[in-house]
PDB file of N, CA and C in Angstrom:
ATOM      1  N   MET A   1       2.135  18.803  14.682  1.00  0.00           N
ATOM      2  CA  MET A   1       2.549  17.427  14.603  1.00  0.00           C
ATOM      3  C   MET A   1       1.359  16.548  15.002  1.00  0.00           C
ATOM      4  N   PRO A   2       0.845  15.750  14.072  1.00  0.00           N
ATOM      5  CA  PRO A   2      -0.337  14.940  14.369  1.00  0.00           C
ATOM      6  C   PRO A   2      -0.025  13.771  15.305  1.00  0.00           C
ATOM      7  N   ASP A   3      -1.026  13.380  16.071  1.00  0.00           N
ATOM      8  CA  ASP A   3      -0.950  12.190  16.904  1.00  0.00           C
ATOM      9  C   ASP A   3      -1.720  11.077  16.208  1.00  0.00           C
ATOM     10  N   VAL A   4      -1.168   9.887  16.240  1.00  0.00           N
ATOM     11  CA  VAL A   4      -1.807   8.715  15.653  1.00  0.00           C
ATOM     12  C   VAL A   4      -2.090   7.737  16.780  1.00  0.00           C
ATOM     13  N   LYS A   5      -3.304   7.188  16.781  1.00  0.00           N
ATOM     14  CA  LYS A   5      -3.669   6.189  17.786  1.00  0.00           C
ATOM     15  C   LYS A   5      -3.354   4.806  17.237  1.00  0.00           C
ATOM     16  N   LEU A   6      -2.454   4.099  17.937  1.00  0.00           N
ATOM     17  CA  LEU A   6      -2.098   2.737  17.580  1.00  0.00           C
ATOM     18  C   LEU A   6      -2.684   1.792  18.616  1.00  0.00           C
ATOM     19  N   SER A   7      -3.306   0.728  18.163  1.00  0.00           N
ATOM     20  CA  SER A   7      -3.815  -0.314  19.063  1.00  0.00           C
ATOM     21  C   SER A   7      -2.882  -1.504  18.953  1.00  0.00           C
ATOM     22  N   ILE A   8      -2.171  -1.755  20.047  1.00  0.00           N
ATOM     23  CA  ILE A   8      -1.200  -2.842  20.089  1.00  0.00           C
ATOM     24  C   ILE A   8      -1.597  -3.790  21.207  1.00  0.00           C
ATOM     25  N   ALA A   9      -1.898  -5.022  20.853  1.00  0.00           N
ATOM     26  CA  ALA A   9      -2.244  -6.069  21.821  1.00  0.00           C
ATOM     27  C   ALA A   9      -3.330  -5.607  22.795  1.00  0.00           C
ATOM     28  N   GLY A  10      -4.339  -4.924  22.256  1.00  0.00           N
ATOM     29  CA  GLY A  10      -5.468  -4.526  23.078  1.00  0.00           C
ATOM     30  C   GLY A  10      -5.306  -3.224  23.829  1.00  0.00           C
ATOM     31  N   ARG A  11      -4.188  -2.560  23.696  1.00  0.00           N
ATOM     32  CA  ARG A  11      -3.976  -1.269  24.353  1.00  0.00           C
ATOM     33  C   ARG A  11      -3.782  -0.189  23.310  1.00  0.00           C
ATOM     34  N   ASP A  12      -4.246   0.998  23.635  1.00  0.00           N
ATOM     35  CA  ASP A  12      -4.101   2.131  22.720  1.00  0.00           C
ATOM     36  C   ASP A  12      -2.910   2.981  23.129  1.00  0.00           C
ATOM     37  N   TYR A  13      -2.157   3.395  22.122  1.00  0.00           N
ATOM     38  CA  TYR A  13      -1.001   4.259  22.312  1.00  0.00           C
ATOM     39  C   TYR A  13      -1.135   5.425  21.344  1.00  0.00           C
ATOM     40  N   PHE A  14      -0.834   6.608  21.814  1.00  0.00           N
ATOM     41  CA  PHE A  14      -0.852   7.783  20.957  1.00  0.00           C
ATOM     42  C   PHE A  14       0.589   8.168  20.664  1.00  0.00           C
ATOM     43  N   VAL A  15       0.903   8.229  19.367  1.00  0.00           N
ATOM     44  CA  VAL A  15       2.267   8.481  18.926  1.00  0.00           C
ATOM     45  C   VAL A  15       2.265   9.688  18.001  1.00  0.00           C
ATOM     46  N   ALA A  16       3.147  10.623  18.267  1.00  0.00           N
ATOM     47  CA  ALA A  16       3.271  11.801  17.411  1.00  0.00           C
ATOM     48  C   ALA A  16       4.135  11.454  16.199  1.00  0.00           C
ATOM     49  N   CYS A  17       3.805  12.066  15.080  1.00  0.00           N
ATOM     50  CA  CYS A  17       4.589  11.860  13.868  1.00  0.00           C
ATOM     51  C   CYS A  17       4.541  13.136  13.027  1.00  0.00           C
ATOM     52  N   ASN A  18       5.347  13.173  12.005  1.00  0.00           N
ATOM     53  CA  ASN A  18       5.342  14.306  11.090  1.00  0.00           C
ATOM     54  C   ASN A  18       4.104  14.241  10.198  1.00  0.00           C
ATOM     55  N   ALA A  19       3.648  15.386   9.761  1.00  0.00           N
ATOM     56  CA  ALA A  19       2.504  15.444   8.850  1.00  0.00           C
ATOM     57  C   ALA A  19       2.796  14.604   7.612  1.00  0.00           C
ATOM     58  N   GLY A  20       1.823  13.819   7.204  1.00  0.00           N
ATOM     59  CA  GLY A  20       1.980  12.965   6.034  1.00  0.00           C
ATOM     60  C   GLY A  20       2.494  11.569   6.342  1.00  0.00           C
ATOM     61  N   GLU A  21       2.936  11.321   7.568  1.00  0.00           N
ATOM     62  CA  GLU A  21       3.466  10.013   7.942  1.00  0.00           C
ATOM     63  C   GLU A  21       2.442   9.147   8.683  1.00  0.00           C
ATOM     64  N   GLU A  22       1.228   9.654   8.815  1.00  0.00           N
ATOM     65  CA  GLU A  22       0.213   8.953   9.611  1.00  0.00           C
ATOM     66  C   GLU A  22      -0.078   7.551   9.081  1.00  0.00           C
ATOM     67  N   GLN A  23      -0.280   7.416   7.780  1.00  0.00           N
ATOM     68  CA  GLN A  23      -0.632   6.121   7.207  1.00  0.00           C
ATOM     69  C   GLN A  23       0.485   5.107   7.399  1.00  0.00           C
ATOM     70  N   ARG A  24       1.711   5.529   7.207  1.00  0.00           N
ATOM     71  CA  ARG A  24       2.853   4.621   7.385  1.00  0.00           C
ATOM     72  C   ARG A  24       2.943   4.169   8.841  1.00  0.00           C
ATOM     73  N   LEU A  25       2.729   5.083   9.765  1.00  0.00           N
ATOM     74  CA  LEU A  25       2.776   4.735  11.181  1.00  0.00           C
ATOM     75  C   LEU A  25       1.670   3.742  11.525  1.00  0.00           C
ATOM     76  N   LEU A  26       0.485   3.915  10.942  1.00  0.00           N
ATOM     77  CA  LEU A  26      -0.606   2.966  11.153  1.00  0.00           C
ATOM     78  C   LEU A  26      -0.243   1.581  10.608  1.00  0.00           C
ATOM     79  N   GLN A  27       0.425   1.537   9.456  1.00  0.00           N
ATOM     80  CA  GLN A  27       0.852   0.262   8.885  1.00  0.00           C
ATOM     81  C   GLN A  27       1.872  -0.422   9.797  1.00  0.00           C
ATOM     82  N   LEU A  28       2.833   0.347  10.291  1.00  0.00           N
ATOM     83  CA  LEU A  28       3.836  -0.218  11.187  1.00  0.00           C
ATOM     84  C   LEU A  28       3.193  -0.695  12.487  1.00  0.00           C
ATOM     85  N   GLY A  29       2.238   0.085  12.991  1.00  0.00           N
ATOM     86  CA  GLY A  29       1.521  -0.314  14.197  1.00  0.00           C
ATOM     87  C   GLY A  29       0.771  -1.616  13.997  1.00  0.00           C
ATOM     88  N   ALA A  30       0.188  -1.801  12.818  1.00  0.00           N
ATOM     89  CA  ALA A  30      -0.526  -3.044  12.521  1.00  0.00           C
ATOM     90  C   ALA A  30       0.432  -4.227  12.502  1.00  0.00           C
ATOM     91  N   MET A  31       1.650  -4.018  12.000  1.00  0.00           N
ATOM     92  CA  MET A  31       2.655  -5.081  12.006  1.00  0.00           C
ATOM     93  C   MET A  31       3.036  -5.453  13.439  1.00  0.00           C
ATOM     94  N   VAL A  32       3.241  -4.441  14.267  1.00  0.00           N
ATOM     95  CA  VAL A  32       3.602  -4.688  15.661  1.00  0.00           C
ATOM     96  C   VAL A  32       2.454  -5.393  16.378  1.00  0.00           C
ATOM     97  N   ASP A  33       1.229  -4.945  16.121  1.00  0.00           N
ATOM     98  CA  ASP A  33       0.064  -5.560  16.751  1.00  0.00           C
ATOM     99  C   ASP A  33      -0.046  -7.029  16.373  1.00  0.00           C
ATOM    100  N   ALA A  34       0.097  -7.342  15.095  1.00  0.00           N
ATOM    101  CA  ALA A  34       0.004  -8.734  14.645  1.00  0.00           C
ATOM    102  C   ALA A  34       1.085  -9.588  15.297  1.00  0.00           C
ATOM    103  N   THR A  35       2.277  -9.058  15.401  1.00  0.00           N
ATOM    104  CA  THR A  35       3.374  -9.798  16.027  1.00  0.00           C
ATOM    105  C   THR A  35       3.130  -9.954  17.519  1.00  0.00           C
ATOM    106  N   ALA A  36       2.635  -8.909  18.171  1.00  0.00           N
ATOM    107  CA  ALA A  36       2.347  -8.984  19.604  1.00  0.00           C
ATOM    108  C   ALA A  36       1.273 -10.019  19.891  1.00  0.00           C
ATOM    109  N   LEU A  37       0.264 -10.096  19.037  1.00  0.00           N
ATOM    110  CA  LEU A  37      -0.792 -11.097  19.211  1.00  0.00           C
ATOM    111  C   LEU A  37      -0.253 -12.505  18.982  1.00  0.00           C
ATOM    112  N   GLU A  38       0.662 -12.640  18.032  1.00  0.00           N
ATOM    113  CA  GLU A  38       1.304 -13.929  17.783  1.00  0.00           C
ATOM    114  C   GLU A  38       2.131 -14.364  18.999  1.00  0.00           C
ATOM    115  N   VAL A  39       2.876 -13.432  19.559  1.00  0.00           N
ATOM    116  CA  VAL A  39       3.691 -13.723  20.741  1.00  0.00           C
ATOM    117  C   VAL A  39       2.798 -14.095  21.922  1.00  0.00           C
ATOM    118  N   ALA A  40       1.738 -13.328  22.120  1.00  0.00           N
ATOM    119  CA  ALA A  40       0.845 -13.571  23.253  1.00  0.00           C
ATOM    120  C   ALA A  40       0.178 -14.934  23.148  1.00  0.00           C
ATOM    121  N   GLY A  41      -0.121 -15.364  21.939  1.00  0.00           N
ATOM    122  CA  GLY A  41      -0.759 -16.667  21.751  1.00  0.00           C
ATOM    123  C   GLY A  41       0.180 -17.829  21.986  1.00  0.00           C
ATOM    124  N   GLY A  42       1.481 -17.585  21.811  1.00  0.00           N
ATOM    125  CA  GLY A  42       2.450 -18.668  21.941  1.00  0.00           C
ATOM    126  C   GLY A  42       3.115 -18.771  23.288  1.00  0.00           C
ATOM    127  N   ALA A  43       2.988 -17.754  24.104  1.00  0.00           N
ATOM    128  CA  ALA A  43       3.673 -17.766  25.403  1.00  0.00           C
ATOM    129  C   ALA A  43       2.750 -17.185  26.461  1.00  0.00           C
ATOM    130  N   ARG A  44       2.261 -18.013  27.303  1.00  0.00           N
ATOM    131  CA  ARG A  44       1.332 -17.589  28.356  1.00  0.00           C
ATOM    132  C   ARG A  44       2.095 -16.940  29.507  1.00  0.00           C
ATOM    133  N   GLY A  45       1.446 -16.004  30.158  1.00  0.00           N
ATOM    134  CA  GLY A  45       1.987 -15.416  31.370  1.00  0.00           C
ATOM    135  C   GLY A  45       3.064 -14.366  31.168  1.00  0.00           C
ATOM    136  N   LEU A  46       3.251 -13.897  29.943  1.00  0.00           N
ATOM    137  CA  LEU A  46       4.246 -12.854  29.720  1.00  0.00           C
ATOM    138  C   LEU A  46       3.721 -11.516  30.217  1.00  0.00           C
ATOM    139  N   THR A  47       4.599 -10.738  30.815  1.00  0.00           N
ATOM    140  CA  THR A  47       4.220  -9.375  31.162  1.00  0.00           C
ATOM    141  C   THR A  47       4.112  -8.568  29.868  1.00  0.00           C
ATOM    142  N   GLU A  48       3.468  -7.422  29.961  1.00  0.00           N
ATOM    143  CA  GLU A  48       3.331  -6.565  28.779  1.00  0.00           C
ATOM    144  C   GLU A  48       4.698  -6.176  28.229  1.00  0.00           C
ATOM    145  N   THR A  49       5.612  -5.853  29.124  1.00  0.00           N
ATOM    146  CA  THR A  49       6.951  -5.443  28.705  1.00  0.00           C
ATOM    147  C   THR A  49       7.653  -6.565  27.963  1.00  0.00           C
ATOM    148  N   ARG A  50       7.596  -7.761  28.497  1.00  0.00           N
ATOM    149  CA  ARG A  50       8.269  -8.892  27.848  1.00  0.00           C
ATOM    150  C   ARG A  50       7.587  -9.254  26.526  1.00  0.00           C
ATOM    151  N   ALA A  51       6.266  -9.152  26.470  1.00  0.00           N
ATOM    152  CA  ALA A  51       5.560  -9.436  25.217  1.00  0.00           C
ATOM    153  C   ALA A  51       5.986  -8.442  24.139  1.00  0.00           C
ATOM    154  N   LEU A  52       6.090  -7.168  24.509  1.00  0.00           N
ATOM    155  CA  LEU A  52       6.541  -6.171  23.536  1.00  0.00           C
ATOM    156  C   LEU A  52       8.009  -6.381  23.176  1.00  0.00           C
ATOM    157  N   LEU A  53       8.809  -6.803  24.150  1.00  0.00           N
ATOM    158  CA  LEU A  53      10.214  -7.108  23.873  1.00  0.00           C
ATOM    159  C   LEU A  53      10.305  -8.211  22.824  1.00  0.00           C
ATOM    160  N   PHE A  54       9.591  -9.315  23.044  1.00  0.00           N
ATOM    161  CA  PHE A  54       9.650 -10.419  22.100  1.00  0.00           C
ATOM    162  C   PHE A  54       9.074 -10.029  20.748  1.00  0.00           C
ATOM    163  N   SER A  55       8.056  -9.191  20.750  1.00  0.00           N
ATOM    164  CA  SER A  55       7.495  -8.703  19.486  1.00  0.00           C
ATOM    165  C   SER A  55       8.534  -7.900  18.714  1.00  0.00           C
ATOM    166  N   ALA A  56       9.195  -7.003  19.411  1.00  0.00           N
ATOM    167  CA  ALA A  56      10.228  -6.181  18.765  1.00  0.00           C
ATOM    168  C   ALA A  56      11.370  -7.055  18.262  1.00  0.00           C
ATOM    169  N   LEU A  57      11.756  -8.045  19.047  1.00  0.00           N
ATOM    170  CA  LEU A  57      12.835  -8.929  18.628  1.00  0.00           C
ATOM    171  C   LEU A  57      12.435  -9.762  17.406  1.00  0.00           C
ATOM    172  N   MET A  58      11.197 -10.228  17.378  1.00  0.00           N
ATOM    173  CA  MET A  58      10.731 -10.993  16.212  1.00  0.00           C
ATOM    174  C   MET A  58      10.729 -10.124  14.960  1.00  0.00           C
ATOM    175  N   LEU A  59      10.264  -8.882  15.101  1.00  0.00           N
ATOM    176  CA  LEU A  59      10.252  -7.973  13.949  1.00  0.00           C
ATOM    177  C   LEU A  59      11.673  -7.635  13.508  1.00  0.00           C
ATOM    178  N   ALA A  60      12.554  -7.406  14.469  1.00  0.00           N
ATOM    179  CA  ALA A  60      13.947  -7.110  14.135  1.00  0.00           C
ATOM    180  C   ALA A  60      14.590  -8.312  13.444  1.00  0.00           C
ATOM    181  N   ASP A  61      14.260  -9.516  13.886  1.00  0.00           N
ATOM    182  CA  ASP A  61      14.793 -10.731  13.270  1.00  0.00           C
ATOM    183  C   ASP A  61      14.304 -10.861  11.833  1.00  0.00           C
ATOM    184  N   LYS A  62      13.015 -10.622  11.614  1.00  0.00           N
ATOM    185  CA  LYS A  62      12.476 -10.669  10.247  1.00  0.00           C
ATOM    186  C   LYS A  62      13.160  -9.625   9.372  1.00  0.00           C
ATOM    187  N   LEU A  63      13.364  -8.464   9.930  1.00  0.00           N
ATOM    188  CA  LEU A  63      14.018  -7.384   9.199  1.00  0.00           C
ATOM    189  C   LEU A  63      15.460  -7.759   8.869  1.00  0.00           C
ATOM    190  N   HIS A  64      16.139  -8.339   9.842  1.00  0.00           N
ATOM    191  CA  HIS A  64      17.526  -8.763   9.638  1.00  0.00           C
ATOM    192  C   HIS A  64      17.611  -9.830   8.555  1.00  0.00           C
ATOM    193  N   ASP A  65      16.640 -10.760   8.566  1.00  0.00           N
ATOM    194  CA  ASP A  65      16.631 -11.823   7.569  1.00  0.00           C
ATOM    195  C   ASP A  65      16.491 -11.284   6.156  1.00  0.00           C
ATOM    196  N   THR A  66      15.762 -10.192   5.983  1.00  0.00           N
ATOM    197  CA  THR A  66      15.603  -9.621   4.644  1.00  0.00           C
ATOM    198  C   THR A  66      16.899  -8.980   4.184  1.00  0.00           C
ATOM    199  N   GLY A  67      17.679  -8.466   5.111  1.00  0.00           N
ATOM    200  CA  GLY A  67      18.993  -7.938   4.800  1.00  0.00           C
ATOM    201  C   GLY A  67      19.015  -6.721   3.908  1.00  0.00           C
ATOM    202  N   GLY A  68      17.873  -6.263   3.465  1.00  0.00           N
ATOM    203  CA  GLY A  68      17.842  -5.073   2.624  1.00  0.00           C
ATOM    204  C   GLY A  68      18.467  -5.305   1.259  1.00  0.00           C
ATOM    205  N   THR A  69      18.554  -6.567   0.824  1.00  0.00           N
ATOM    206  CA  THR A  69      19.170  -6.845  -0.464  1.00  0.00           C
ATOM    207  C   THR A  69      18.182  -6.593  -1.593  1.00  0.00           C
ATOM    208  N   VAL A  70      18.707  -6.304  -2.743  1.00  0.00           N
ATOM    209  CA  VAL A  70      17.881  -6.057  -3.921  1.00  0.00           C
ATOM    210  C   VAL A  70      17.713  -7.363  -4.675  1.00  0.00           C
ATOM    211  N   THR A  71      16.466  -7.702  -4.995  1.00  0.00           N
ATOM    212  CA  THR A  71      16.186  -8.882  -5.802  1.00  0.00           C
ATOM    213  C   THR A  71      15.537  -8.447  -7.105  1.00  0.00           C
ATOM    214  N   ALA A  72      15.273  -9.391  -7.976  1.00  0.00           N
ATOM    215  CA  ALA A  72      14.699  -9.061  -9.284  1.00  0.00           C
ATOM    216  C   ALA A  72      13.325  -8.432  -9.174  1.00  0.00           C
ATOM    217  N   ASP A  73      12.570  -8.773  -8.130  1.00  0.00           N
ATOM    218  CA  ASP A  73      11.205  -8.258  -8.035  1.00  0.00           C
ATOM    219  C   ASP A  73      11.037  -7.135  -7.022  1.00  0.00           C
ATOM    220  N   THR A  74      12.115  -6.573  -6.541  1.00  0.00           N
ATOM    221  CA  THR A  74      12.009  -5.455  -5.611  1.00  0.00           C
ATOM    222  C   THR A  74      13.138  -4.469  -5.852  1.00  0.00           C
ATOM    223  N   ALA A  75      12.869  -3.227  -5.592  1.00  0.00           N
ATOM    224  CA  ALA A  75      13.882  -2.197  -5.785  1.00  0.00           C
ATOM    225  C   ALA A  75      14.682  -1.961  -4.516  1.00  0.00           C
ATOM    226  N   GLY A  76      14.501  -2.786  -3.500  1.00  0.00           N
ATOM    227  CA  GLY A  76      15.231  -2.612  -2.258  1.00  0.00           C
ATOM    228  C   GLY A  76      14.443  -1.763  -1.279  1.00  0.00           C
ATOM    229  N   PRO A  77      14.986  -1.596  -0.101  1.00  0.00           N
ATOM    230  CA  PRO A  77      14.262  -0.877   0.945  1.00  0.00           C
ATOM    231  C   PRO A  77      14.186   0.623   0.645  1.00  0.00           C
ATOM    232  N   SER A  78      13.046   1.195   0.961  1.00  0.00           N
ATOM    233  CA  SER A  78      12.875   2.627   0.781  1.00  0.00           C
ATOM    234  C   SER A  78      13.484   3.348   1.980  1.00  0.00           C
ATOM    235  N   ALA A  79      13.602   4.647   1.868  1.00  0.00           N
ATOM    236  CA  ALA A  79      14.118   5.440   2.985  1.00  0.00           C
ATOM    237  C   ALA A  79      13.205   5.302   4.196  1.00  0.00           C
ATOM    238  N   ALA A  80      11.895   5.268   3.952  1.00  0.00           N
ATOM    239  CA  ALA A  80      10.947   5.101   5.064  1.00  0.00           C
ATOM    240  C   ALA A  80      11.114   3.743   5.720  1.00  0.00           C
ATOM    241  N   MET A  81      11.359   2.703   4.921  1.00  0.00           N
ATOM    242  CA  MET A  81      11.573   1.360   5.467  1.00  0.00           C
ATOM    243  C   MET A  81      12.843   1.335   6.311  1.00  0.00           C
ATOM    244  N   MET A  82      13.892   1.960   5.830  1.00  0.00           N
ATOM    245  CA  MET A  82      15.144   1.979   6.585  1.00  0.00           C
ATOM    246  C   MET A  82      14.979   2.755   7.889  1.00  0.00           C
ATOM    247  N   GLN A  83      14.241   3.849   7.849  1.00  0.00           N
ATOM    248  CA  GLN A  83      13.972   4.608   9.070  1.00  0.00           C
ATOM    249  C   GLN A  83      13.155   3.762  10.035  1.00  0.00           C
ATOM    250  N   SER A  84      12.181   3.036   9.518  1.00  0.00           N
ATOM    251  CA  SER A  84      11.371   2.149  10.359  1.00  0.00           C
ATOM    252  C   SER A  84      12.239   1.062  10.968  1.00  0.00           C
ATOM    253  N   CYS A  85      13.165   0.541  10.200  1.00  0.00           N
ATOM    254  CA  CYS A  85      14.089  -0.481  10.710  1.00  0.00           C
ATOM    255  C   CYS A  85      14.913   0.063  11.864  1.00  0.00           C
ATOM    256  N   ASP A  86      15.430   1.252  11.684  1.00  0.00           N
ATOM    257  CA  ASP A  86      16.224   1.873  12.745  1.00  0.00           C
ATOM    258  C   ASP A  86      15.387   2.061  14.006  1.00  0.00           C
ATOM    259  N   ILE A  87      14.161   2.495  13.832  1.00  0.00           N
ATOM    260  CA  ILE A  87      13.266   2.707  14.977  1.00  0.00           C
ATOM    261  C   ILE A  87      12.995   1.385  15.682  1.00  0.00           C
ATOM    262  N   LEU A  88      12.667   0.340  14.906  1.00  0.00           N
ATOM    263  CA  LEU A  88      12.375  -0.963  15.502  1.00  0.00           C
ATOM    264  C   LEU A  88      13.594  -1.544  16.221  1.00  0.00           C
ATOM    265  N   GLU A  89      14.763  -1.378  15.645  1.00  0.00           N
ATOM    266  CA  GLU A  89      15.961  -1.877  16.308  1.00  0.00           C
ATOM    267  C   GLU A  89      16.217  -1.121  17.612  1.00  0.00           C
ATOM    268  N   GLY A  90      15.966   0.174  17.605  1.00  0.00           N
ATOM    269  CA  GLY A  90      16.108   0.960  18.836  1.00  0.00           C
ATOM    270  C   GLY A  90      15.118   0.525  19.898  1.00  0.00           C
ATOM    271  N   VAL A  91      13.875   0.268  19.482  1.00  0.00           N
ATOM    272  CA  VAL A  91      12.852  -0.200  20.421  1.00  0.00           C
ATOM    273  C   VAL A  91      13.251  -1.554  20.993  1.00  0.00           C
ATOM    274  N   ALA A  92      13.738  -2.446  20.135  1.00  0.00           N
ATOM    275  CA  ALA A  92      14.148  -3.771  20.601  1.00  0.00           C
ATOM    276  C   ALA A  92      15.268  -3.667  21.628  1.00  0.00           C
ATOM    277  N   THR A  93      16.220  -2.806  21.375  1.00  0.00           N
ATOM    278  CA  THR A  93      17.331  -2.622  22.312  1.00  0.00           C
ATOM    279  C   THR A  93      16.842  -2.069  23.636  1.00  0.00           C
ATOM    280  N   ARG A  94      15.981  -1.056  23.590  1.00  0.00           N
ATOM    281  CA  ARG A  94      15.462  -0.470  24.833  1.00  0.00           C
ATOM    282  C   ARG A  94      14.641  -1.477  25.620  1.00  0.00           C
ATOM    283  N   LEU A  95      13.804  -2.254  24.924  1.00  0.00           N
ATOM    284  CA  LEU A  95      12.988  -3.253  25.605  1.00  0.00           C
ATOM    285  C   LEU A  95      13.847  -4.366  26.190  1.00  0.00           C
ATOM    286  N   GLU A  96      14.869  -4.753  25.478  1.00  0.00           N
ATOM    287  CA  GLU A  96      15.770  -5.788  25.991  1.00  0.00           C
ATOM    288  C   GLU A  96      16.467  -5.301  27.261  1.00  0.00           C
ATOM    289  N   ASN A  97      16.930  -4.061  27.260  1.00  0.00           N
ATOM    290  CA  ASN A  97      17.573  -3.492  28.446  1.00  0.00           C
ATOM    291  C   ASN A  97      16.588  -3.395  29.609  1.00  0.00           C
ATOM    292  N   LEU A  98      15.364  -3.010  29.314  1.00  0.00           N
ATOM    293  CA  LEU A  98      14.343  -2.922  30.354  1.00  0.00           C
ATOM    294  C   LEU A  98      14.048  -4.299  30.941  1.00  0.00           C
ATOM    295  N   ALA A  99      13.942  -5.299  30.070  1.00  0.00           N
ATOM    296  CA  ALA A  99      13.679  -6.658  30.558  1.00  0.00           C
ATOM    297  C   ALA A  99      14.820  -7.146  31.447  1.00  0.00           C
ATOM    298  N   LEU A 100      16.045  -6.849  31.075  1.00  0.00           N
ATOM    299  CA  LEU A 100      17.178  -7.229  31.903  1.00  0.00           C
ATOM    300  C   LEU A 100      17.132  -6.576  33.265  1.00  0.00           C
ATOM    301  N   ARG A 101      16.772  -5.288  33.298  1.00  0.00           N
ATOM    302  CA  ARG A 101      16.668  -4.578  34.593  1.00  0.00           C
ATOM    303  C   ARG A 101      15.544  -5.150  35.443  1.00  0.00           C
ATOM    304  N   LEU A 102      14.442  -5.529  34.802  1.00  0.00           N
ATOM    305  CA  LEU A 102      13.316  -6.084  35.560  1.00  0.00           C
ATOM    306  C   LEU A 102      13.644  -7.461  36.120  1.00  0.00           C
ATOM    307  N   GLU A 103      14.475  -8.222  35.424  1.00  0.00           N
ATOM    308  CA  GLU A 103      14.857  -9.545  35.895  1.00  0.00           C
ATOM    309  C   GLU A 103      15.802  -9.480  37.082  1.00  0.00           C
ATOM    310  N   ASN A 104      16.545  -8.404  37.195  1.00  0.00           N
ATOM    311  CA  ASN A 104      17.548  -8.285  38.267  1.00  0.00           C
ATOM    312  C   ASN A 104      16.995  -7.602  39.472  1.00  0.00           C
TER     313      ASN A 104
END
């Protein structure tokens, strides 16, 4: 099982994936990184956990807005996209729960 190095908001993370999924994981990591940098630029003083929470929530919101509907110029979400959506929603939920525990 290969490890992929993802750089998110200036930190490196090593994530294991199935063989052949490395490029997709790098693409998803780039999306998370771009969102994390956007969040960091708009809100000063966020902890790393909260910045990742807001990043995950922003990505989940964008994903929710797309709704997975089929339009004339797209064939709809692929199985990999749906799996990525499930992963991102799980991350958002875990980060939200962690942020709640840290606040209390």
